[in-house]
Amino acid sequence: MASLLVSASEEVALLDRPPYATSQPDGMPAPLDVAEPVRRGVRVRVAVDREGLSFQGRARGLGDLAVQGVQIRVGTDLPTRLITVDRRVTLLPTDAADPTASALVVSDSLLSNALVPLFEAVWERAVPIGSVTHDRITDEDRELLTMLASGLKDEAMARRLDIHVHTVRRRITRLMHALNAETRFQAGVQAALRGWLTV
């Protein structure tokens, strides 16, 4: 796969989802240097399955890639893993459930014409994440963001923080603005990338 990346001259498009083939004890995938093509002027877009963010350090690593110019979006239930180079060659796993299985190299135009639109459809539905900034955040906002990311309702957050529900909503709105997020999910992704969530 690394040699496929090196051959890219215009664009790399990647769908990334677990399970990952890895020898690392924490289950993290062995990283591909997707920033290398960016340094050569190649556009690199990566759609990452939300489930993959659960690996320790994964969100921070994606933030580092975004800083280097890799365009990253997060989606849910990505259908497969694949990598497409210059819209001419696609590498597709033969068994999505088995990360150690072989991959199919697709260069036939009929199949490529199906797989490229698949990537584009996933890309359009996914939530963009921006580059990381190292802004400061209060402990109260960190606690609120962590509760938000865990899926608590506004009323439950208000009870835990011992504040009015309207105050919770105002603070969430302010944080979403600070994170340049249009949805609460996007705010949670941005907060994770910035290291703003309580561990």
N, C-alpha and C. Protein backbone atom coordinates (compact mmCIF):
# COMPACT_ATOMS: atom_id res chain seq x y z
N MET A 1 0.82 -1.19 0.00
CA MET A 1 0.00 0.00 0.00
C MET A 1 0.87 1.26 0.00
N ALA A 2 2.01 1.19 0.66
CA ALA A 2 2.91 2.35 0.69
C ALA A 2 3.37 2.72 -0.72
N SER A 3 3.65 1.70 -1.55
CA SER A 3 4.10 1.99 -2.91
C SER A 3 2.99 2.62 -3.74
N LEU A 4 1.75 2.27 -3.44
CA LEU A 4 0.62 2.89 -4.12
C LEU A 4 0.55 4.38 -3.78
N LEU A 5 0.77 4.71 -2.51
CA LEU A 5 0.79 6.12 -2.10
C LEU A 5 1.90 6.90 -2.80
N VAL A 6 3.06 6.28 -2.91
CA VAL A 6 4.21 6.94 -3.55
C VAL A 6 3.91 7.22 -5.02
N SER A 7 3.09 6.38 -5.65
CA SER A 7 2.80 6.57 -7.07
C SER A 7 1.78 7.67 -7.33
N ALA A 8 1.13 8.19 -6.29
CA ALA A 8 0.08 9.20 -6.47
C ALA A 8 0.66 10.50 -7.01
N SER A 9 -0.03 11.08 -7.99
CA SER A 9 0.42 12.36 -8.53
C SER A 9 -0.65 13.45 -8.42
N GLU A 10 -1.93 13.05 -8.23
CA GLU A 10 -2.99 14.05 -8.16
C GLU A 10 -3.84 13.93 -6.89
N GLU A 11 -4.32 12.72 -6.59
CA GLU A 11 -5.24 12.57 -5.47
C GLU A 11 -5.17 11.19 -4.86
N VAL A 12 -5.28 11.15 -3.53
CA VAL A 12 -5.45 9.90 -2.78
C VAL A 12 -6.76 10.03 -2.00
N ALA A 13 -7.62 9.03 -2.11
CA ALA A 13 -8.87 8.99 -1.37
C ALA A 13 -8.89 7.69 -0.57
N LEU A 14 -9.18 7.79 0.72
CA LEU A 14 -9.06 6.63 1.59
C LEU A 14 -10.27 6.52 2.51
N LEU A 15 -10.86 5.33 2.58
CA LEU A 15 -11.86 5.02 3.60
C LEU A 15 -11.16 4.19 4.66
N ASP A 16 -11.29 4.60 5.91
CA ASP A 16 -10.55 3.97 7.00
C ASP A 16 -11.52 3.54 8.09
N ARG A 17 -11.53 2.23 8.38
CA ARG A 17 -12.42 1.72 9.42
C ARG A 17 -11.81 0.48 10.06
N PRO A 18 -12.17 0.21 11.32
CA PRO A 18 -11.75 -1.05 11.91
C PRO A 18 -12.50 -2.21 11.26
N PRO A 19 -12.03 -3.45 11.42
CA PRO A 19 -10.85 -3.85 12.18
C PRO A 19 -9.57 -3.56 11.42
N TYR A 20 -8.51 -3.36 12.19
CA TYR A 20 -7.21 -3.04 11.61
C TYR A 20 -6.26 -4.22 11.73
N ALA A 21 -5.44 -4.41 10.73
CA ALA A 21 -4.36 -5.41 10.82
C ALA A 21 -3.20 -4.72 11.50
N THR A 22 -2.74 -5.28 12.59
CA THR A 22 -1.67 -4.64 13.33
C THR A 22 -0.94 -5.65 14.20
N SER A 23 0.30 -5.34 14.47
CA SER A 23 1.04 -6.15 15.42
C SER A 23 1.21 -5.40 16.73
N GLN A 24 0.70 -4.19 16.78
CA GLN A 24 0.85 -3.38 17.98
C GLN A 24 -0.11 -3.88 19.06
N PRO A 25 0.34 -3.89 20.32
CA PRO A 25 -0.49 -4.46 21.39
C PRO A 25 -1.77 -3.67 21.66
N ASP A 26 -1.81 -2.38 21.33
CA ASP A 26 -3.00 -1.59 21.63
C ASP A 26 -4.05 -1.67 20.52
N GLY A 27 -3.75 -2.43 19.45
CA GLY A 27 -4.72 -2.59 18.38
C GLY A 27 -4.71 -1.48 17.36
N MET A 28 -3.84 -0.48 17.53
CA MET A 28 -3.79 0.63 16.57
C MET A 28 -3.19 0.14 15.26
N PRO A 29 -3.70 0.67 14.15
CA PRO A 29 -3.14 0.26 12.86
C PRO A 29 -1.73 0.80 12.68
N ALA A 30 -0.91 0.03 11.97
CA ALA A 30 0.40 0.55 11.60
C ALA A 30 0.15 1.73 10.67
N PRO A 31 0.69 2.92 10.99
CA PRO A 31 0.30 4.11 10.24
C PRO A 31 0.86 4.15 8.82
N LEU A 32 0.02 4.61 7.91
CA LEU A 32 0.46 4.91 6.55
C LEU A 32 0.89 6.37 6.55
N ASP A 33 1.91 6.69 5.79
CA ASP A 33 2.36 8.09 5.72
C ASP A 33 1.52 8.82 4.67
N VAL A 34 0.27 9.13 5.04
CA VAL A 34 -0.62 9.81 4.08
C VAL A 34 -0.29 11.29 3.94
N ALA A 35 0.58 11.81 4.81
CA ALA A 35 0.99 13.21 4.68
C ALA A 35 2.08 13.37 3.63
N GLU A 36 2.78 12.28 3.30
CA GLU A 36 3.87 12.37 2.31
C GLU A 36 3.37 12.85 0.95
N PRO A 37 2.28 12.30 0.42
CA PRO A 37 1.79 12.81 -0.86
C PRO A 37 1.40 14.30 -0.79
N VAL A 38 0.88 14.73 0.36
CA VAL A 38 0.51 16.15 0.53
C VAL A 38 1.74 17.03 0.34
N ARG A 39 2.86 16.60 0.89
CA ARG A 39 4.11 17.39 0.77
C ARG A 39 4.55 17.49 -0.69
N ARG A 40 4.06 16.56 -1.53
CA ARG A 40 4.39 16.61 -2.96
C ARG A 40 3.30 17.32 -3.77
N GLY A 41 2.30 17.89 -3.07
CA GLY A 41 1.25 18.62 -3.76
C GLY A 41 0.05 17.78 -4.16
N VAL A 42 -0.05 16.56 -3.63
CA VAL A 42 -1.17 15.66 -3.93
C VAL A 42 -2.29 15.92 -2.92
N ARG A 43 -3.52 15.98 -3.40
CA ARG A 43 -4.67 16.14 -2.51
C ARG A 43 -4.97 14.80 -1.85
N VAL A 44 -5.05 14.80 -0.52
CA VAL A 44 -5.32 13.56 0.22
C VAL A 44 -6.58 13.77 1.06
N ARG A 45 -7.57 12.90 0.83
CA ARG A 45 -8.82 12.93 1.60
C ARG A 45 -9.00 11.59 2.30
N VAL A 46 -9.29 11.65 3.59
CA VAL A 46 -9.47 10.44 4.38
C VAL A 46 -10.81 10.53 5.11
N ALA A 47 -11.68 9.55 4.88
CA ALA A 47 -12.91 9.44 5.65
C ALA A 47 -12.70 8.34 6.68
N VAL A 48 -12.86 8.68 7.95
CA VAL A 48 -12.57 7.77 9.05
C VAL A 48 -13.87 7.37 9.73
N ASP A 49 -14.02 6.09 10.01
CA ASP A 49 -15.20 5.63 10.74
C ASP A 49 -15.09 6.09 12.20
N ARG A 50 -16.21 6.56 12.73
CA ARG A 50 -16.24 7.06 14.10
C ARG A 50 -15.72 6.02 15.09
N GLU A 51 -15.98 4.75 14.82
CA GLU A 51 -15.54 3.67 15.71
C GLU A 51 -14.01 3.65 15.86
N GLY A 52 -13.31 4.07 14.79
CA GLY A 52 -11.86 4.09 14.84
C GLY A 52 -11.29 5.13 15.80
N LEU A 53 -12.10 6.12 16.19
CA LEU A 53 -11.62 7.15 17.11
C LEU A 53 -11.49 6.63 18.53
N SER A 54 -12.01 5.42 18.80
CA SER A 54 -11.96 4.89 20.16
C SER A 54 -10.56 4.42 20.55
N PHE A 55 -9.67 4.22 19.57
CA PHE A 55 -8.31 3.81 19.89
C PHE A 55 -7.55 4.97 20.52
N GLN A 56 -6.83 4.68 21.57
CA GLN A 56 -6.09 5.72 22.29
C GLN A 56 -5.12 6.43 21.36
N GLY A 57 -5.18 7.76 21.37
CA GLY A 57 -4.27 8.57 20.57
C GLY A 57 -4.69 8.75 19.12
N ARG A 58 -5.76 8.05 18.72
CA ARG A 58 -6.19 8.11 17.31
C ARG A 58 -6.65 9.51 16.92
N ALA A 59 -7.48 10.13 17.76
CA ALA A 59 -7.99 11.48 17.46
C ALA A 59 -6.85 12.48 17.35
N ARG A 60 -5.89 12.37 18.26
CA ARG A 60 -4.74 13.29 18.22
C ARG A 60 -3.92 13.07 16.95
N GLY A 61 -3.75 11.81 16.55
CA GLY A 61 -3.00 11.51 15.32
C GLY A 61 -3.69 12.08 14.10
N LEU A 62 -5.03 12.00 14.06
CA LEU A 62 -5.77 12.60 12.95
C LEU A 62 -5.62 14.11 12.95
N GLY A 63 -5.59 14.69 14.14
CA GLY A 63 -5.37 16.14 14.23
C GLY A 63 -4.02 16.53 13.68
N ASP A 64 -3.00 15.73 13.97
CA ASP A 64 -1.66 15.99 13.42
C ASP A 64 -1.67 15.93 11.90
N LEU A 65 -2.40 14.95 11.34
CA LEU A 65 -2.48 14.84 9.89
C LEU A 65 -3.20 16.05 9.29
N ALA A 66 -4.25 16.52 9.97
CA ALA A 66 -4.98 17.69 9.48
C ALA A 66 -4.08 18.92 9.44
N VAL A 67 -3.22 19.06 10.44
CA VAL A 67 -2.28 20.17 10.46
C VAL A 67 -1.33 20.10 9.27
N GLN A 68 -1.00 18.88 8.85
CA GLN A 68 -0.08 18.69 7.71
C GLN A 68 -0.78 18.81 6.35
N GLY A 69 -2.10 19.05 6.37
CA GLY A 69 -2.80 19.29 5.12
C GLY A 69 -3.67 18.16 4.61
N VAL A 70 -3.75 17.06 5.37
CA VAL A 70 -4.63 15.96 4.98
C VAL A 70 -6.07 16.38 5.31
N GLN A 71 -6.98 16.24 4.36
CA GLN A 71 -8.39 16.56 4.60
C GLN A 71 -9.05 15.34 5.23
N ILE A 72 -9.65 15.54 6.40
CA ILE A 72 -10.19 14.41 7.15
C ILE A 72 -11.65 14.67 7.49
N ARG A 73 -12.46 13.64 7.32
CA ARG A 73 -13.86 13.68 7.75
C ARG A 73 -14.16 12.43 8.54
N VAL A 74 -15.12 12.54 9.46
CA VAL A 74 -15.51 11.41 10.29
C VAL A 74 -16.95 11.03 9.96
N GLY A 75 -17.19 9.74 9.74
CA GLY A 75 -18.53 9.24 9.44
C GLY A 75 -18.86 8.04 10.29
N THR A 76 -20.06 7.55 10.12
CA THR A 76 -20.47 6.35 10.87
C THR A 76 -20.80 5.23 9.89
N ASP A 77 -20.49 4.02 10.31
CA ASP A 77 -20.81 2.81 9.53
C ASP A 77 -20.25 2.86 8.11
N LEU A 78 -18.97 3.19 7.97
CA LEU A 78 -18.35 3.15 6.65
C LEU A 78 -18.45 1.73 6.10
N PRO A 79 -18.77 1.58 4.82
CA PRO A 79 -19.06 0.25 4.28
C PRO A 79 -17.85 -0.66 4.13
N THR A 80 -16.68 -0.09 3.97
CA THR A 80 -15.49 -0.90 3.73
C THR A 80 -14.25 -0.03 3.93
N ARG A 81 -13.10 -0.67 3.83
CA ARG A 81 -11.85 0.08 3.74
C ARG A 81 -11.44 0.07 2.28
N LEU A 82 -10.91 1.19 1.82
CA LEU A 82 -10.37 1.21 0.46
C LEU A 82 -9.44 2.40 0.31
N ILE A 83 -8.60 2.32 -0.71
CA ILE A 83 -7.74 3.45 -1.06
C ILE A 83 -7.76 3.57 -2.58
N THR A 84 -7.99 4.78 -3.05
CA THR A 84 -8.01 5.06 -4.49
C THR A 84 -6.92 6.08 -4.80
N VAL A 85 -6.14 5.81 -5.81
CA VAL A 85 -5.05 6.71 -6.21
C VAL A 85 -5.32 7.23 -7.61
N ASP A 86 -5.37 8.55 -7.70
CA ASP A 86 -5.54 9.25 -8.98
C ASP A 86 -6.76 8.77 -9.77
N ARG A 87 -7.74 8.22 -9.07
CA ARG A 87 -8.98 7.73 -9.69
C ARG A 87 -8.73 6.68 -10.78
N ARG A 88 -7.58 6.01 -10.67
CA ARG A 88 -7.25 5.01 -11.68
C ARG A 88 -7.02 3.63 -11.08
N VAL A 89 -6.56 3.58 -9.82
CA VAL A 89 -6.30 2.30 -9.15
C VAL A 89 -6.95 2.34 -7.77
N THR A 90 -7.68 1.28 -7.45
CA THR A 90 -8.30 1.17 -6.14
C THR A 90 -7.88 -0.13 -5.49
N LEU A 91 -7.49 -0.04 -4.23
CA LEU A 91 -7.15 -1.21 -3.44
C LEU A 91 -8.33 -1.47 -2.50
N LEU A 92 -8.93 -2.66 -2.62
CA LEU A 92 -10.14 -2.99 -1.88
C LEU A 92 -9.93 -4.32 -1.17
N PRO A 93 -10.16 -4.37 0.16
CA PRO A 93 -9.98 -5.65 0.86
C PRO A 93 -10.99 -6.68 0.36
N THR A 94 -10.55 -7.93 0.28
CA THR A 94 -11.45 -8.99 -0.19
C THR A 94 -12.39 -9.45 0.92
N ASP A 95 -12.01 -9.20 2.18
CA ASP A 95 -12.86 -9.57 3.32
C ASP A 95 -12.82 -8.44 4.33
N ALA A 96 -13.87 -7.62 4.37
CA ALA A 96 -13.89 -6.45 5.25
C ALA A 96 -13.81 -6.82 6.73
N ALA A 97 -14.21 -8.03 7.08
CA ALA A 97 -14.18 -8.45 8.48
C ALA A 97 -12.82 -8.97 8.91
N ASP A 98 -11.96 -9.30 7.96
CA ASP A 98 -10.65 -9.87 8.27
C ASP A 98 -9.55 -8.95 7.74
N PRO A 99 -8.93 -8.15 8.63
CA PRO A 99 -7.93 -7.20 8.17
C PRO A 99 -6.65 -7.83 7.65
N THR A 100 -6.47 -9.14 7.88
CA THR A 100 -5.26 -9.79 7.39
C THR A 100 -5.48 -10.42 6.01
N ALA A 101 -6.71 -10.36 5.52
CA ALA A 101 -7.02 -10.94 4.21
C ALA A 101 -6.34 -10.14 3.11
N SER A 102 -6.25 -10.75 1.95
CA SER A 102 -5.63 -10.07 0.81
C SER A 102 -6.55 -8.97 0.30
N ALA A 103 -5.99 -8.14 -0.55
CA ALA A 103 -6.75 -7.03 -1.12
C ALA A 103 -6.78 -7.17 -2.63
N LEU A 104 -7.83 -6.65 -3.19
CA LEU A 104 -8.02 -6.68 -4.62
C LEU A 104 -7.58 -5.35 -5.21
N VAL A 105 -6.72 -5.39 -6.21
CA VAL A 105 -6.31 -4.16 -6.90
C VAL A 105 -7.23 -4.01 -8.10
N VAL A 106 -7.99 -2.92 -8.10
CA VAL A 106 -8.99 -2.70 -9.14
C VAL A 106 -8.52 -1.57 -10.03
N SER A 107 -8.31 -1.89 -11.30
CA SER A 107 -7.97 -0.83 -12.24
C SER A 107 -8.93 -0.80 -13.42
N ASP A 108 -9.83 -1.78 -13.45
CA ASP A 108 -10.85 -1.81 -14.49
C ASP A 108 -11.77 -0.61 -14.33
N SER A 109 -12.04 0.08 -15.42
CA SER A 109 -12.80 1.33 -15.35
C SER A 109 -14.21 1.12 -14.83
N LEU A 110 -14.84 -0.01 -15.14
CA LEU A 110 -16.20 -0.25 -14.67
C LEU A 110 -16.24 -0.32 -13.14
N LEU A 111 -15.31 -1.09 -12.54
CA LEU A 111 -15.27 -1.20 -11.09
C LEU A 111 -14.82 0.11 -10.45
N SER A 112 -13.84 0.76 -11.05
CA SER A 112 -13.37 2.03 -10.51
C SER A 112 -14.48 3.06 -10.54
N ASN A 113 -15.31 3.00 -11.58
CA ASN A 113 -16.42 3.95 -11.67
C ASN A 113 -17.49 3.69 -10.61
N ALA A 114 -17.49 2.53 -10.01
CA ALA A 114 -18.39 2.25 -8.90
C ALA A 114 -17.77 2.62 -7.56
N LEU A 115 -16.46 2.38 -7.42
CA LEU A 115 -15.80 2.61 -6.14
C LEU A 115 -15.51 4.09 -5.87
N VAL A 116 -15.17 4.83 -6.89
CA VAL A 116 -14.93 6.27 -6.69
C VAL A 116 -16.21 6.97 -6.24
N PRO A 117 -17.36 6.72 -6.89
CA PRO A 117 -18.61 7.31 -6.39
C PRO A 117 -18.96 6.85 -4.97
N LEU A 118 -18.60 5.61 -4.61
CA LEU A 118 -18.82 5.15 -3.25
C LEU A 118 -18.06 6.03 -2.27
N PHE A 119 -16.78 6.29 -2.56
CA PHE A 119 -16.00 7.16 -1.69
C PHE A 119 -16.65 8.54 -1.61
N GLU A 120 -17.04 9.09 -2.75
CA GLU A 120 -17.62 10.44 -2.77
C GLU A 120 -18.91 10.51 -1.96
N ALA A 121 -19.73 9.47 -2.01
CA ALA A 121 -20.97 9.45 -1.24
C ALA A 121 -20.68 9.43 0.26
N VAL A 122 -19.71 8.62 0.67
CA VAL A 122 -19.33 8.58 2.08
C VAL A 122 -18.75 9.93 2.49
N TRP A 123 -17.90 10.51 1.66
CA TRP A 123 -17.24 11.79 1.95
C TRP A 123 -18.29 12.89 2.16
N GLU A 124 -19.31 12.91 1.32
CA GLU A 124 -20.33 13.96 1.43
C GLU A 124 -21.12 13.87 2.73
N ARG A 125 -21.34 12.65 3.22
CA ARG A 125 -22.11 12.47 4.46
C ARG A 125 -21.28 12.66 5.72
N ALA A 126 -19.96 12.57 5.60
CA ALA A 126 -19.09 12.63 6.78
C ALA A 126 -18.91 14.06 7.26
N VAL A 127 -18.50 14.19 8.51
CA VAL A 127 -18.33 15.50 9.16
C VAL A 127 -16.88 15.94 9.04
N PRO A 128 -16.64 17.13 8.47
CA PRO A 128 -15.25 17.59 8.35
C PRO A 128 -14.66 17.97 9.70
N ILE A 129 -13.39 17.70 9.85
CA ILE A 129 -12.68 18.18 11.03
C ILE A 129 -11.56 19.09 10.55
N GLY A 130 -11.29 20.11 11.35
CA GLY A 130 -10.27 21.07 10.96
C GLY A 130 -8.96 20.77 11.63
N SER A 131 -8.01 21.64 11.41
CA SER A 131 -6.71 21.46 12.04
C SER A 131 -6.80 21.85 13.51
N VAL A 132 -5.93 21.28 14.28
CA VAL A 132 -5.94 21.47 15.72
C VAL A 132 -5.32 22.81 16.09
N THR A 133 -5.92 23.46 17.05
CA THR A 133 -5.27 24.61 17.68
C THR A 133 -5.13 24.27 19.15
N HIS A 134 -4.20 24.91 19.80
CA HIS A 134 -3.94 24.58 21.20
C HIS A 134 -4.50 25.67 22.10
N ASP A 135 -5.81 25.92 21.95
CA ASP A 135 -6.47 26.91 22.77
C ASP A 135 -6.58 26.42 24.20
N ARG A 136 -6.81 27.37 25.10
CA ARG A 136 -7.02 27.04 26.50
C ARG A 136 -8.51 26.78 26.71
N ILE A 137 -8.82 25.95 27.69
CA ILE A 137 -10.20 25.66 28.02
C ILE A 137 -10.32 25.52 29.53
N THR A 138 -11.45 25.96 30.08
CA THR A 138 -11.64 25.87 31.52
C THR A 138 -12.00 24.43 31.90
N ASP A 139 -11.79 24.09 33.16
CA ASP A 139 -12.15 22.76 33.64
C ASP A 139 -13.66 22.52 33.51
N GLU A 140 -14.46 23.59 33.73
CA GLU A 140 -15.92 23.46 33.63
C GLU A 140 -16.34 23.14 32.20
N ASP A 141 -15.71 23.82 31.22
CA ASP A 141 -16.04 23.54 29.83
C ASP A 141 -15.57 22.14 29.42
N ARG A 142 -14.42 21.73 29.92
CA ARG A 142 -13.92 20.38 29.62
C ARG A 142 -14.90 19.32 30.15
N GLU A 143 -15.40 19.54 31.36
CA GLU A 143 -16.35 18.60 31.94
C GLU A 143 -17.65 18.58 31.12
N LEU A 144 -18.11 19.75 30.71
CA LEU A 144 -19.34 19.83 29.90
C LEU A 144 -19.16 19.11 28.56
N LEU A 145 -18.03 19.34 27.90
CA LEU A 145 -17.77 18.70 26.61
C LEU A 145 -17.67 17.18 26.75
N THR A 146 -17.08 16.73 27.83
CA THR A 146 -16.96 15.29 28.06
C THR A 146 -18.33 14.66 28.25
N MET A 147 -19.20 15.34 29.01
CA MET A 147 -20.56 14.83 29.19
C MET A 147 -21.33 14.86 27.87
N LEU A 148 -21.11 15.92 27.08
CA LEU A 148 -21.76 16.04 25.77
C LEU A 148 -21.32 14.89 24.86
N ALA A 149 -20.01 14.62 24.84
CA ALA A 149 -19.47 13.55 23.99
C ALA A 149 -19.97 12.18 24.44
N SER A 150 -20.28 12.04 25.72
CA SER A 150 -20.76 10.74 26.21
C SER A 150 -22.25 10.55 25.94
N GLY A 151 -22.91 11.58 25.39
CA GLY A 151 -24.30 11.42 24.97
C GLY A 151 -25.34 11.82 26.00
N LEU A 152 -24.92 12.49 27.08
CA LEU A 152 -25.90 12.91 28.09
C LEU A 152 -26.81 13.99 27.52
N LYS A 153 -28.05 13.99 27.96
CA LYS A 153 -29.03 15.02 27.57
C LYS A 153 -28.73 16.30 28.35
N ASP A 154 -29.23 17.41 27.82
CA ASP A 154 -29.00 18.72 28.46
C ASP A 154 -29.45 18.73 29.92
N GLU A 155 -30.62 18.15 30.17
CA GLU A 155 -31.17 18.15 31.53
C GLU A 155 -30.27 17.37 32.50
N ALA A 156 -29.73 16.24 32.04
CA ALA A 156 -28.84 15.44 32.88
C ALA A 156 -27.54 16.19 33.15
N MET A 157 -27.03 16.89 32.13
CA MET A 157 -25.81 17.67 32.33
C MET A 157 -26.06 18.79 33.33
N ALA A 158 -27.20 19.44 33.22
CA ALA A 158 -27.54 20.53 34.14
C ALA A 158 -27.59 20.03 35.58
N ARG A 159 -28.20 18.84 35.78
CA ARG A 159 -28.27 18.28 37.14
C ARG A 159 -26.87 17.97 37.67
N ARG A 160 -26.04 17.38 36.83
CA ARG A 160 -24.68 17.02 37.30
C ARG A 160 -23.84 18.25 37.60
N LEU A 161 -24.05 19.30 36.82
CA LEU A 161 -23.27 20.53 37.03
C LEU A 161 -23.93 21.48 38.03
N ASP A 162 -25.15 21.13 38.43
CA ASP A 162 -25.93 21.95 39.36
C ASP A 162 -26.13 23.37 38.83
N ILE A 163 -26.51 23.45 37.55
CA ILE A 163 -26.83 24.73 36.93
C ILE A 163 -28.12 24.56 36.13
N HIS A 164 -28.70 25.68 35.69
CA HIS A 164 -29.96 25.63 34.93
C HIS A 164 -29.70 25.08 33.53
N VAL A 165 -30.70 24.39 32.98
CA VAL A 165 -30.57 23.79 31.66
C VAL A 165 -30.31 24.85 30.58
N HIS A 166 -30.87 26.07 30.76
CA HIS A 166 -30.62 27.13 29.78
C HIS A 166 -29.15 27.57 29.79
N THR A 167 -28.55 27.52 30.97
CA THR A 167 -27.11 27.85 31.08
C THR A 167 -26.28 26.79 30.35
N VAL A 168 -26.66 25.53 30.50
CA VAL A 168 -25.97 24.45 29.79
C VAL A 168 -26.05 24.69 28.28
N ARG A 169 -27.23 25.00 27.79
CA ARG A 169 -27.41 25.22 26.35
C ARG A 169 -26.62 26.42 25.84
N ARG A 170 -26.59 27.49 26.62
CA ARG A 170 -25.79 28.66 26.22
C ARG A 170 -24.31 28.32 26.16
N ARG A 171 -23.84 27.55 27.15
CA ARG A 171 -22.43 27.17 27.15
C ARG A 171 -22.10 26.24 25.99
N ILE A 172 -23.01 25.32 25.67
CA ILE A 172 -22.79 24.42 24.53
C ILE A 172 -22.73 25.23 23.23
N THR A 173 -23.64 26.19 23.08
CA THR A 173 -23.65 27.04 21.88
C THR A 173 -22.33 27.81 21.76
N ARG A 174 -21.85 28.36 22.88
CA ARG A 174 -20.59 29.10 22.88
C ARG A 174 -19.42 28.19 22.50
N LEU A 175 -19.41 26.98 23.06
CA LEU A 175 -18.33 26.03 22.75
C LEU A 175 -18.38 25.58 21.30
N MET A 176 -19.58 25.36 20.76
CA MET A 176 -19.70 24.98 19.36
C MET A 176 -19.16 26.08 18.46
N HIS A 177 -19.43 27.32 18.83
CA HIS A 177 -18.90 28.45 18.06
C HIS A 177 -17.37 28.47 18.14
N ALA A 178 -16.83 28.27 19.35
CA ALA A 178 -15.37 28.28 19.53
C ALA A 178 -14.71 27.14 18.76
N LEU A 179 -15.42 26.02 18.62
CA LEU A 179 -14.89 24.86 17.92
C LEU A 179 -15.20 24.88 16.42
N ASN A 180 -15.91 25.93 15.99
CA ASN A 180 -16.32 26.05 14.58
C ASN A 180 -17.10 24.81 14.15
N ALA A 181 -18.02 24.37 15.03
CA ALA A 181 -18.79 23.15 14.79
C ALA A 181 -20.25 23.50 14.53
N GLU A 182 -20.84 22.81 13.57
CA GLU A 182 -22.25 23.04 13.24
C GLU A 182 -23.16 22.08 13.98
N THR A 183 -22.62 20.94 14.43
CA THR A 183 -23.43 19.95 15.15
C THR A 183 -22.71 19.58 16.44
N ARG A 184 -23.46 18.98 17.35
CA ARG A 184 -22.86 18.53 18.61
C ARG A 184 -21.84 17.42 18.37
N PHE A 185 -22.14 16.54 17.41
CA PHE A 185 -21.19 15.48 17.07
C PHE A 185 -19.87 16.08 16.59
N GLN A 186 -19.96 17.07 15.70
CA GLN A 186 -18.76 17.71 15.19
C GLN A 186 -18.00 18.40 16.32
N ALA A 187 -18.73 19.00 17.26
CA ALA A 187 -18.08 19.64 18.42
C ALA A 187 -17.32 18.60 19.24
N GLY A 188 -17.91 17.42 19.40
CA GLY A 188 -17.24 16.36 20.15
C GLY A 188 -15.97 15.90 19.47
N VAL A 189 -16.02 15.77 18.13
CA VAL A 189 -14.82 15.36 17.38
C VAL A 189 -13.75 16.43 17.50
N GLN A 190 -14.12 17.69 17.32
CA GLN A 190 -13.13 18.77 17.42
C GLN A 190 -12.54 18.85 18.82
N ALA A 191 -13.38 18.68 19.84
CA ALA A 191 -12.88 18.73 21.22
C ALA A 191 -11.91 17.60 21.48
N ALA A 192 -12.20 16.40 20.94
CA ALA A 192 -11.29 15.26 21.11
C ALA A 192 -9.96 15.54 20.42
N LEU A 193 -10.01 16.11 19.21
CA LEU A 193 -8.79 16.41 18.48
C LEU A 193 -7.92 17.43 19.21
N ARG A 194 -8.56 18.36 19.89
CA ARG A 194 -7.81 19.39 20.61
C ARG A 194 -7.37 18.93 21.99
N GLY A 195 -7.76 17.71 22.36
CA GLY A 195 -7.39 17.21 23.68
C GLY A 195 -8.18 17.87 24.79
N TRP A 196 -9.39 18.34 24.49
CA TRP A 196 -10.21 19.05 25.45
C TRP A 196 -11.06 18.15 26.32
N LEU A 197 -11.14 16.86 26.01
CA LEU A 197 -12.02 15.99 26.77
C LEU A 197 -11.29 15.40 27.97
N THR A 198 -12.05 15.21 29.05
CA THR A 198 -11.50 14.58 30.25
C THR A 198 -11.31 13.10 29.97
N VAL A 199 -10.16 12.57 30.35
CA VAL A 199 -9.91 11.15 30.08
C VAL A 199 -10.47 10.29 31.17
